[in-house]
Amino acid sequence: MRKVRPSSFDSEPFHHRPITDRSSPKFGDYHSPKGATQSDPLNQKKLGTRIADLESQLGQAQEELKNLKDQLASAETTKKEV
């Protein structure tokens, strides 16, 4: 069995870890603020469409689950009869 050596990042105390610059573009420039999607009509429409699609998929999955449960119950009944 191979032993995993902790990296220096894992073994250093918290106060010695490098500080990440939160003003870096990596941390916020790629996503709009949460409030922006509420006021943008195009994003509202996309969100509504996405929700409708997910609700449709959920309905189909629930129907399929019901059918599979029925098939299982039927198979178990048949198995008991034999």
C-alpha atoms as a PDB file:
ATOM      1  CA  MET A   1       0.000   0.000   0.000  1.00  0.00           C
ATOM      2  CA  ARG A   2       1.343   3.406  -1.000  1.00  0.00           C
ATOM      3  CA  LYS A   3       1.489   6.126   1.628  1.00  0.00           C
ATOM      4  CA  VAL A   4       0.407   9.572   0.607  1.00  0.00           C
ATOM      5  CA  ARG A   5       2.763  12.322   1.691  1.00  0.00           C
ATOM      6  CA  PRO A   6       1.038  15.518   2.712  1.00  0.00           C
ATOM      7  CA  SER A   7       1.964  18.475   0.575  1.00  0.00           C
ATOM      8  CA  SER A   8       3.717  21.427   2.134  1.00  0.00           C
ATOM      9  CA  PHE A   9       0.408  23.297   1.836  1.00  0.00           C
ATOM     10  CA  ASP A  10      -1.292  20.709   4.055  1.00  0.00           C
ATOM     11  CA  SER A  11       1.470  20.562   6.632  1.00  0.00           C
ATOM     12  CA  GLU A  12       2.042  24.299   7.066  1.00  0.00           C
ATOM     13  CA  PRO A  13       0.160  26.135   9.792  1.00  0.00           C
ATOM     14  CA  PHE A  14      -2.703  28.279   8.557  1.00  0.00           C
ATOM     15  CA  HIS A  15      -0.935  31.588   9.178  1.00  0.00           C
ATOM     16  CA  HIS A  16       1.962  30.597   6.900  1.00  0.00           C
ATOM     17  CA  ARG A  17      -0.185  29.824   3.883  1.00  0.00           C
ATOM     18  CA  PRO A  18      -0.007  32.282   1.010  1.00  0.00           C
ATOM     19  CA  ILE A  19      -2.719  34.919   0.936  1.00  0.00           C
ATOM     20  CA  THR A  20      -4.792  34.917  -2.227  1.00  0.00           C
ATOM     21  CA  ASP A  21      -5.534  38.303  -3.753  1.00  0.00           C
ATOM     22  CA  ARG A  22      -9.355  38.465  -3.788  1.00  0.00           C
ATOM     23  CA  SER A  23      -9.278  41.439  -6.152  1.00  0.00           C
ATOM     24  CA  SER A  24      -7.810  39.189  -8.843  1.00  0.00           C
ATOM     25  CA  PRO A  25      -9.983  38.743 -11.968  1.00  0.00           C
ATOM     26  CA  LYS A  26     -10.199  35.030 -11.139  1.00  0.00           C
ATOM     27  CA  PHE A  27     -12.586  35.740  -8.290  1.00  0.00           C
ATOM     28  CA  GLY A  28     -15.364  37.829  -9.714  1.00  0.00           C
ATOM     29  CA  ASP A  29     -15.059  39.033 -13.252  1.00  0.00           C
ATOM     30  CA  TYR A  30     -16.473  35.882 -14.807  1.00  0.00           C
ATOM     31  CA  HIS A  31     -19.850  35.918 -13.068  1.00  0.00           C
ATOM     32  CA  SER A  32     -22.395  38.661 -12.833  1.00  0.00           C
ATOM     33  CA  PRO A  33     -23.740  39.628  -9.421  1.00  0.00           C
ATOM     34  CA  LYS A  34     -26.709  37.579  -8.231  1.00  0.00           C
ATOM     35  CA  GLY A  35     -29.049  40.561  -8.428  1.00  0.00           C
ATOM     36  CA  ALA A  36     -28.272  41.185 -12.093  1.00  0.00           C
ATOM     37  CA  THR A  37     -30.180  38.116 -13.308  1.00  0.00           C
ATOM     38  CA  GLN A  38     -33.360  39.280 -11.585  1.00  0.00           C
ATOM     39  CA  SER A  39     -33.548  42.553 -13.491  1.00  0.00           C
ATOM     40  CA  ASP A  40     -32.442  41.316 -16.932  1.00  0.00           C
ATOM     41  CA  PRO A  41     -35.504  40.236 -18.988  1.00  0.00           C
ATOM     42  CA  LEU A  42     -33.443  38.003 -21.279  1.00  0.00           C
ATOM     43  CA  ASN A  43     -31.975  36.111 -18.324  1.00  0.00           C
ATOM     44  CA  GLN A  44     -35.456  35.881 -16.795  1.00  0.00           C
ATOM     45  CA  LYS A  45     -36.748  34.261 -19.995  1.00  0.00           C
ATOM     46  CA  LYS A  46     -33.804  31.836 -20.141  1.00  0.00           C
ATOM     47  CA  LEU A  47     -34.306  30.959 -16.481  1.00  0.00           C
ATOM     48  CA  GLY A  48     -38.030  30.384 -17.021  1.00  0.00           C
ATOM     49  CA  THR A  49     -37.308  28.146 -20.023  1.00  0.00           C
ATOM     50  CA  ARG A  50     -34.708  26.204 -18.030  1.00  0.00           C
ATOM     51  CA  ILE A  51     -37.132  25.720 -15.147  1.00  0.00           C
ATOM     52  CA  ALA A  52     -39.855  24.495 -17.525  1.00  0.00           C
ATOM     53  CA  ASP A  53     -37.421  22.031 -19.118  1.00  0.00           C
ATOM     54  CA  LEU A  54     -36.324  20.699 -15.731  1.00  0.00           C
ATOM     55  CA  GLU A  55     -39.929  20.350 -14.567  1.00  0.00           C
ATOM     56  CA  SER A  56     -40.715  18.400 -17.732  1.00  0.00           C
ATOM     57  CA  GLN A  57     -37.720  16.112 -17.190  1.00  0.00           C
ATOM     58  CA  LEU A  58     -38.759  15.612 -13.569  1.00  0.00           C
ATOM     59  CA  GLY A  59     -42.285  14.658 -14.624  1.00  0.00           C
ATOM     60  CA  GLN A  60     -40.954  12.152 -17.153  1.00  0.00           C
ATOM     61  CA  ALA A  61     -38.590  10.656 -14.577  1.00  0.00           C
ATOM     62  CA  GLN A  62     -41.398  10.355 -12.021  1.00  0.00           C
ATOM     63  CA  GLU A  63     -43.623   8.638 -14.594  1.00  0.00           C
ATOM     64  CA  GLU A  64     -40.815   6.242 -15.518  1.00  0.00           C
ATOM     65  CA  LEU A  65     -40.202   5.504 -11.830  1.00  0.00           C
ATOM     66  CA  LYS A  66     -43.903   4.743 -11.341  1.00  0.00           C
ATOM     67  CA  ASN A  67     -43.885   2.381 -14.338  1.00  0.00           C
ATOM     68  CA  LEU A  68     -40.772   0.592 -13.108  1.00  0.00           C
ATOM     69  CA  LYS A  69     -42.275   0.203  -9.625  1.00  0.00           C
ATOM     70  CA  ASP A  70     -45.394  -1.300 -11.210  1.00  0.00           C
ATOM     71  CA  GLN A  71     -43.261  -3.700 -13.257  1.00  0.00           C
ATOM     72  CA  LEU A  72     -41.316  -4.698 -10.146  1.00  0.00           C
ATOM     73  CA  ALA A  73     -44.492  -5.323  -8.160  1.00  0.00           C
ATOM     74  CA  SER A  74     -45.885  -7.381 -11.031  1.00  0.00           C
ATOM     75  CA  ALA A  75     -42.692  -9.438 -11.294  1.00  0.00           C
ATOM     76  CA  GLU A  76     -42.656 -10.062  -7.553  1.00  0.00           C
ATOM     77  CA  THR A  77     -46.305 -11.171  -7.639  1.00  0.00           C
ATOM     78  CA  THR A  78     -45.569 -13.539 -10.526  1.00  0.00           C
ATOM     79  CA  LYS A  79     -42.532 -14.906  -8.718  1.00  0.00           C
ATOM     80  CA  LYS A  80     -44.601 -15.660  -5.585  1.00  0.00           C
ATOM     81  CA  GLU A  81     -47.204 -17.502  -7.660  1.00  0.00           C
ATOM     82  CA  VAL A  82     -44.625 -19.827  -9.197  1.00  0.00           C
END
